[in-house]
Amino acid sequence: MKELLKLVRWQNLLIVVLTMILMRYAIIEPLISKVGVILLKGSGEEGPMALQFSWYNFLILIAATVCITAGGYIINDYFDIRTDLINRGKVIVGTKIPRRQAILWHSILNIAGVAAGFYISWRAGYFWLGTIFMLVSGLLYFYSASYKRQFLVGNLIVSVLTSMVPFMVVLFEWSALYRYYSVYAIELPDLGFLFYWVGGFSLFAFLTTLIREIIKDTEDFEGDTAYGRNTIPVIIGITASKIVAISLIIITIVSLFLVWHFFVNDKITLVYISAAIVAPLIYVIYMLAVSTDKALLHRAATIMKIVMLAGILYSLLVKAIVTWNLVC
């Protein structure tokens, strides 16, 4: 069991769970609580909106996402045995866990994840949404088998799928809110602002994941070259890849300050993003500029994961700002 937990990257799965919980309870719930509605069967007085996607269905949504993600990690390691032996010197699949057993776990997790996805889609009243879970499961398989060997395609797929984690929460909650308040409220409020808020987190997840993927590919240059993978560093070189990663970091930093200036514009947020996100990103730029070995690249990739976590935890600050009106 210990080796299986390592194989499915249990730390990353916890981050997935944390992301989904925070999107629901630290972003969506406090924001809609500030929106007033008048219910048809109520007293006629305006009251705050409340979450309508039940907590147990939300848990099933989390379980579906975690199962499919875990299955993706397994199949990725299954196809990466040879390159991982060069890049990291050790593997789990084929040594600690037999290849056949790995495929079995991959199948079980994906079947469970897709089935759970169709169930909650049915419960949400949009059964067709279940195809998203099926498509993601298929994309993760073909990513590991083929797409990750293609120039840029694999990086973009991973980045898009990562950005979907917070977006799935707002998608299912919005559908539940729409179904309830379109029937029981005198007037349905505009809920588009939820997609803007969660979309900001999704865009941040996309950019930081893409940066981290390029850094990891640069770190894995030796193994990818040996087995003919057309990753960004293999095609354009290590130096050019670092320049691409640094450029994306600069774009991310500029985007953060632009979003702050035009949409948020409070001092608490400015201090947080400057200290917890921008400062580490600048340090990553420095490490990429001076790195001459895999150790420094590995450290840069690790810091990028910390930056991603800091971005997710900003949702707690949003909850505090909205709940206690701390805008200043």
Protein backbone atom coordinates (compact mmCIF):
# COMPACT_ATOMS: atom_id res chain seq x y z
CA MET A 1 0.00 0.00 0.00
CA LYS A 2 2.88 2.37 0.79
CA GLU A 3 4.31 1.93 -2.71
CA LEU A 4 0.88 2.38 -4.27
CA LEU A 5 0.46 5.69 -2.42
CA LYS A 6 3.84 6.81 -3.78
CA LEU A 7 2.81 5.72 -7.26
CA VAL A 8 -0.40 7.79 -7.25
CA ARG A 9 1.47 10.83 -5.80
CA TRP A 10 -0.69 11.08 -2.68
CA GLN A 11 0.67 14.55 -1.88
CA ASN A 12 -0.55 15.84 -5.25
CA LEU A 13 -3.93 14.18 -4.70
CA LEU A 14 -4.24 16.02 -1.39
CA ILE A 15 -3.61 19.28 -3.23
CA VAL A 16 -6.39 18.38 -5.67
CA VAL A 17 -8.76 17.76 -2.75
CA LEU A 18 -7.67 20.98 -1.02
CA THR A 19 -8.14 22.98 -4.23
CA MET A 20 -11.70 21.74 -4.74
CA ILE A 21 -12.69 22.29 -1.10
CA LEU A 22 -11.28 25.82 -1.08
CA MET A 23 -12.95 26.73 -4.37
CA ARG A 24 -16.32 25.72 -2.92
CA TYR A 25 -16.08 27.00 0.64
CA ALA A 26 -13.54 29.85 0.39
CA ILE A 27 -14.53 31.34 -2.98
CA ILE A 28 -18.01 30.32 -4.14
CA GLU A 29 -19.84 30.19 -0.79
CA PRO A 30 -18.72 33.58 0.60
CA LEU A 31 -19.25 35.29 -2.77
CA ILE A 32 -22.81 34.05 -3.30
CA SER A 33 -23.65 34.85 0.33
CA LYS A 34 -23.30 38.52 -0.66
CA VAL A 35 -25.94 38.11 -3.40
CA GLY A 36 -29.51 38.75 -2.30
CA VAL A 37 -32.53 36.85 -3.65
CA ILE A 38 -36.24 36.85 -2.91
CA LEU A 39 -37.80 33.39 -2.83
CA LEU A 40 -41.30 32.85 -4.19
CA LYS A 41 -42.48 30.97 -1.09
CA GLY A 42 -40.59 33.12 1.40
CA SER A 43 -41.55 36.11 3.47
CA GLY A 44 -40.89 38.45 0.58
CA GLU A 45 -37.70 39.69 2.15
CA GLU A 46 -34.37 39.45 0.40
CA GLY A 47 -32.00 36.79 1.73
CA PRO A 48 -28.52 35.55 0.81
CA MET A 49 -27.93 32.85 -1.76
CA ALA A 50 -26.67 29.50 -0.47
CA LEU A 51 -24.86 26.50 -1.95
CA GLN A 52 -27.23 24.10 -3.72
CA PHE A 53 -24.91 21.30 -4.84
CA SER A 54 -25.21 18.93 -1.87
CA TRP A 55 -22.12 18.15 0.19
CA TYR A 56 -22.35 14.41 -0.48
CA ASN A 57 -22.51 14.98 -4.25
CA PHE A 58 -19.56 17.32 -3.85
CA LEU A 59 -17.63 14.52 -2.12
CA ILE A 60 -18.43 12.24 -5.06
CA LEU A 61 -17.13 14.94 -7.42
CA ILE A 62 -13.89 15.04 -5.44
CA ALA A 63 -13.66 11.24 -5.45
CA ALA A 64 -14.20 11.11 -9.23
CA THR A 65 -11.49 13.71 -9.81
CA VAL A 66 -9.03 12.02 -7.44
CA CYS A 67 -9.60 8.57 -8.95
CA ILE A 68 -9.02 9.74 -12.50
CA THR A 69 -5.97 11.77 -11.46
CA ALA A 70 -4.50 8.81 -9.57
CA GLY A 71 -5.10 6.56 -12.57
CA GLY A 72 -3.29 9.11 -14.73
CA TYR A 73 -0.23 9.02 -12.49
CA ILE A 74 -0.13 5.23 -12.64
CA ILE A 75 -0.31 4.99 -16.42
CA ASN A 76 2.27 7.77 -16.72
CA ASP A 77 4.79 5.80 -14.67
CA TYR A 78 3.87 2.62 -16.57
CA PHE A 79 4.97 4.17 -19.87
CA ASP A 80 7.93 6.03 -18.33
CA ILE A 81 9.88 3.11 -16.87
CA ARG A 82 12.89 3.39 -19.18
CA THR A 83 13.22 7.17 -19.11
CA ASP A 84 12.70 7.33 -15.33
CA LEU A 85 15.55 4.85 -14.86
CA ILE A 86 17.85 7.31 -16.65
CA ASN A 87 16.45 10.52 -15.16
CA ARG A 88 15.83 9.36 -11.59
CA GLY A 89 17.63 6.06 -11.26
CA LYS A 90 14.62 4.23 -9.80
CA VAL A 91 11.05 3.25 -10.64
CA ILE A 92 8.09 1.77 -8.81
CA VAL A 93 6.26 0.05 -11.66
CA GLY A 94 8.11 -3.11 -12.62
CA THR A 95 10.05 -3.28 -9.34
CA LYS A 96 7.90 -2.60 -6.27
CA ILE A 97 4.59 -3.00 -8.13
CA PRO A 98 4.27 -5.47 -11.05
CA ARG A 99 3.30 -3.98 -14.41
CA ARG A 100 0.14 -6.08 -14.61
CA GLN A 101 -0.95 -4.94 -11.15
CA ALA A 102 -0.32 -1.31 -12.12
CA ILE A 103 -2.58 -1.67 -15.17
CA LEU A 104 -5.24 -3.29 -12.97
CA TRP A 105 -5.18 -0.37 -10.52
CA HIS A 106 -5.27 2.09 -13.44
CA SER A 107 -8.38 0.38 -14.84
CA ILE A 108 -10.15 0.20 -11.46
CA LEU A 109 -9.50 3.86 -10.65
CA ASN A 110 -10.58 5.08 -14.08
CA ILE A 111 -13.76 3.00 -14.16
CA ALA A 112 -14.65 4.23 -10.65
CA GLY A 113 -13.84 7.84 -11.56
CA VAL A 114 -15.84 7.87 -14.80
CA ALA A 115 -18.80 6.08 -13.19
CA ALA A 116 -18.81 8.57 -10.31
CA GLY A 117 -18.55 11.43 -12.82
CA PHE A 118 -21.61 10.27 -14.76
CA TYR A 119 -23.52 9.76 -11.50
CA ILE A 120 -22.99 13.30 -10.22
CA SER A 121 -23.65 14.68 -13.70
CA TRP A 122 -26.99 12.89 -13.63
CA ARG A 123 -27.67 14.22 -10.15
CA ALA A 124 -26.82 17.73 -11.37
CA GLY A 125 -29.36 17.33 -14.17
CA TYR A 126 -26.77 17.40 -16.96
CA PHE A 127 -25.89 13.77 -17.66
CA TRP A 128 -23.78 14.77 -20.67
CA LEU A 129 -21.25 16.41 -18.31
CA GLY A 130 -20.11 12.88 -17.52
CA THR A 131 -18.38 12.79 -20.89
CA ILE A 132 -15.87 15.29 -19.47
CA PHE A 133 -14.62 12.64 -17.03
CA MET A 134 -14.42 10.08 -19.83
CA LEU A 135 -12.48 12.48 -22.07
CA VAL A 136 -10.07 13.40 -19.27
CA SER A 137 -9.43 9.72 -18.54
CA GLY A 138 -8.72 9.08 -22.20
CA LEU A 139 -6.52 12.16 -22.54
CA LEU A 140 -4.40 11.09 -19.56
CA TYR A 141 -3.88 7.65 -21.13
CA PHE A 142 -2.93 8.97 -24.57
CA TYR A 143 -0.83 11.71 -22.98
CA SER A 144 1.30 9.06 -21.27
CA ALA A 145 1.35 6.75 -24.30
CA SER A 146 1.99 9.34 -27.00
CA TYR A 147 1.22 13.04 -26.51
CA LYS A 148 3.97 13.71 -23.94
CA ARG A 149 6.51 12.70 -26.58
CA GLN A 150 5.24 15.39 -28.94
CA PHE A 151 6.48 18.95 -29.00
CA LEU A 152 4.45 21.15 -26.59
CA VAL A 153 1.28 19.02 -26.92
CA GLY A 154 1.86 17.06 -23.72
CA ASN A 155 2.71 20.18 -21.73
CA LEU A 156 -0.47 21.91 -22.84
CA ILE A 157 -2.65 18.88 -22.06
CA VAL A 158 -1.33 18.61 -18.49
CA SER A 159 -1.73 22.36 -17.97
CA VAL A 160 -5.30 22.40 -19.27
CA LEU A 161 -6.30 19.38 -17.17
CA THR A 162 -4.79 20.96 -14.06
CA SER A 163 -6.72 24.17 -14.70
CA MET A 164 -9.93 22.14 -14.92
CA VAL A 165 -9.75 21.05 -11.27
CA PRO A 166 -11.05 24.35 -9.82
CA PHE A 167 -13.30 24.92 -12.84
CA MET A 168 -15.18 21.65 -12.30
CA VAL A 169 -16.25 22.86 -8.85
CA VAL A 170 -17.85 26.05 -10.15
CA LEU A 171 -19.38 24.24 -13.12
CA PHE A 172 -21.33 21.81 -10.96
CA GLU A 173 -22.21 24.40 -8.31
CA TRP A 174 -23.42 26.87 -10.94
CA SER A 175 -25.68 24.23 -12.51
CA ALA A 176 -27.21 23.48 -9.09
CA LEU A 177 -27.66 27.18 -8.29
CA TYR A 178 -29.27 27.80 -11.66
CA ARG A 179 -31.69 24.88 -11.35
CA TYR A 180 -32.82 25.92 -7.86
CA TYR A 181 -33.04 29.71 -8.11
CA SER A 182 -34.48 29.77 -11.63
CA VAL A 183 -37.49 27.95 -10.17
CA TYR A 184 -37.77 29.22 -6.60
CA ALA A 185 -36.53 32.82 -6.84
CA ILE A 186 -38.51 35.79 -8.16
CA GLU A 187 -35.50 36.79 -10.24
CA LEU A 188 -32.38 34.80 -11.01
CA PRO A 189 -29.24 36.84 -10.21
CA ASP A 190 -26.37 36.94 -12.66
CA LEU A 191 -23.91 34.27 -11.53
CA GLY A 192 -21.29 34.92 -14.20
CA PHE A 193 -18.96 36.52 -11.67
CA LEU A 194 -18.31 33.05 -10.18
CA PHE A 195 -16.69 31.95 -13.42
CA TYR A 196 -14.47 35.04 -13.43
CA TRP A 197 -13.26 34.40 -9.90
CA VAL A 198 -12.64 30.68 -10.27
CA GLY A 199 -11.41 31.25 -13.83
CA GLY A 200 -8.64 33.41 -12.37
CA PHE A 201 -7.47 30.48 -10.26
CA SER A 202 -7.74 28.18 -13.29
CA LEU A 203 -5.62 30.52 -15.42
CA PHE A 204 -3.01 30.72 -12.66
CA ALA A 205 -2.99 26.91 -12.43
CA PHE A 206 -2.55 26.67 -16.21
CA LEU A 207 0.39 29.07 -16.38
CA THR A 208 2.25 27.73 -13.34
CA THR A 209 1.74 24.12 -14.43
CA LEU A 210 3.04 24.90 -17.92
CA ILE A 211 6.11 26.58 -16.43
CA ARG A 212 6.75 23.64 -14.12
CA GLU A 213 6.32 21.13 -16.94
CA ILE A 214 8.92 22.93 -19.05
CA ILE A 215 11.34 23.03 -16.10
CA LYS A 216 10.79 19.31 -15.45
CA ASP A 217 11.36 18.51 -19.14
CA THR A 218 14.60 20.48 -18.98
CA GLU A 219 15.61 18.47 -15.93
CA ASP A 220 14.74 15.22 -17.76
CA PHE A 221 16.60 16.21 -20.93
CA GLU A 222 19.02 13.28 -20.78
CA GLY A 223 16.41 10.52 -20.61
CA ASP A 224 14.07 12.17 -23.11
CA THR A 225 16.92 12.54 -25.60
CA ALA A 226 17.94 8.90 -25.19
CA TYR A 227 14.45 7.66 -26.07
CA GLY A 228 13.64 10.14 -28.82
CA ARG A 229 11.06 12.29 -27.06
CA ASN A 230 10.31 15.57 -28.80
CA THR A 231 9.99 17.70 -25.68
CA ILE A 232 10.62 21.44 -25.76
CA PRO A 233 14.25 21.17 -24.48
CA VAL A 234 15.02 18.37 -26.94
CA ILE A 235 13.70 20.36 -29.91
CA ILE A 236 14.85 23.92 -29.13
CA GLY A 237 17.62 23.27 -26.59
CA ILE A 238 18.04 23.77 -22.86
CA THR A 239 18.94 27.46 -23.03
CA ALA A 240 15.95 28.34 -25.22
CA SER A 241 13.69 26.29 -22.94
CA LYS A 242 14.85 28.29 -19.94
CA ILE A 243 14.10 31.49 -21.83
CA VAL A 244 10.57 30.21 -22.59
CA ALA A 245 10.02 29.32 -18.92
CA ILE A 246 11.33 32.70 -17.75
CA SER A 247 9.12 34.49 -20.27
CA LEU A 248 6.06 32.60 -19.00
CA ILE A 249 6.99 33.51 -15.42
CA ILE A 250 7.18 37.18 -16.39
CA ILE A 251 3.79 36.89 -18.11
CA THR A 252 2.37 35.31 -14.94
CA ILE A 253 3.76 38.09 -12.73
CA VAL A 254 2.46 40.83 -15.02
CA SER A 255 -0.95 39.12 -15.22
CA LEU A 256 -1.18 38.93 -11.42
CA PHE A 257 -0.56 42.65 -11.01
CA LEU A 258 -2.94 43.54 -13.85
CA VAL A 259 -5.73 41.44 -12.32
CA TRP A 260 -5.03 43.02 -8.94
CA HIS A 261 -5.09 46.55 -10.38
CA PHE A 262 -8.25 46.23 -12.48
CA PHE A 263 -10.37 43.78 -10.47
CA VAL A 264 -9.24 43.46 -6.84
CA ASN A 265 -7.13 46.49 -5.92
CA ASP A 266 -6.76 46.00 -2.17
CA LYS A 267 -3.56 46.27 -0.15
CA ILE A 268 -3.91 42.88 1.58
CA THR A 269 -3.96 41.06 -1.75
CA LEU A 270 -1.05 43.11 -3.05
CA VAL A 271 1.11 42.19 -0.06
CA TYR A 272 0.15 38.51 -0.32
CA ILE A 273 0.82 38.05 -4.03
CA SER A 274 4.06 40.04 -3.79
CA ALA A 275 5.47 38.02 -0.88
CA ALA A 276 3.97 34.55 -1.39
CA ILE A 277 3.88 34.31 -5.19
CA VAL A 278 5.92 36.95 -7.02
CA ALA A 279 9.02 36.79 -4.79
CA PRO A 280 9.37 32.98 -5.21
CA LEU A 281 8.77 33.33 -8.96
CA ILE A 282 11.60 35.86 -9.20
CA TYR A 283 13.82 33.38 -7.33
CA VAL A 284 12.87 30.69 -9.86
CA ILE A 285 13.94 33.05 -12.64
CA TYR A 286 17.29 33.44 -10.90
CA MET A 287 17.73 29.67 -10.52
CA LEU A 288 16.88 29.06 -14.17
CA ALA A 289 19.36 31.74 -15.24
CA VAL A 290 22.28 30.30 -13.24
CA SER A 291 21.46 26.56 -13.26
CA THR A 292 24.08 24.28 -14.72
CA ASP A 293 22.91 20.96 -13.29
CA LYS A 294 19.74 18.95 -12.61
CA ALA A 295 19.78 19.66 -8.86
CA LEU A 296 19.01 23.36 -9.28
CA LEU A 297 16.36 22.64 -11.90
CA HIS A 298 14.75 20.14 -9.54
CA ARG A 299 14.70 22.78 -6.81
CA ALA A 300 13.13 25.29 -9.20
CA ALA A 301 10.38 22.78 -10.05
CA THR A 302 9.78 22.21 -6.33
CA ILE A 303 9.45 25.95 -5.69
CA MET A 304 6.96 26.15 -8.56
CA LYS A 305 4.82 23.60 -6.73
CA ILE A 306 5.00 25.79 -3.60
CA VAL A 307 3.96 28.79 -5.70
CA MET A 308 0.99 26.81 -7.01
CA LEU A 309 -0.01 25.97 -3.44
CA ALA A 310 0.33 29.64 -2.43
CA GLY A 311 -2.02 30.54 -5.29
CA ILE A 312 -4.60 28.07 -4.03
CA LEU A 313 -4.28 29.31 -0.43
CA TYR A 314 -5.03 32.85 -1.58
CA SER A 315 -8.65 31.67 -1.60
CA LEU A 316 -8.57 31.72 2.21
CA LEU A 317 -7.59 35.37 2.07
CA VAL A 318 -10.46 36.02 -0.35
CA LYS A 319 -12.87 34.40 2.12
CA ALA A 320 -11.57 36.60 4.94
CA ILE A 321 -11.77 39.76 2.81
CA VAL A 322 -15.31 39.03 1.62
CA THR A 323 -16.62 37.80 4.98
CA TRP A 324 -15.25 40.63 7.10
CA ASN A 325 -15.17 43.31 4.39
CA LEU A 326 -11.42 43.87 4.72
CA VAL A 327 -10.99 45.68 1.40
CA CYS A 328 -8.67 48.64 1.92
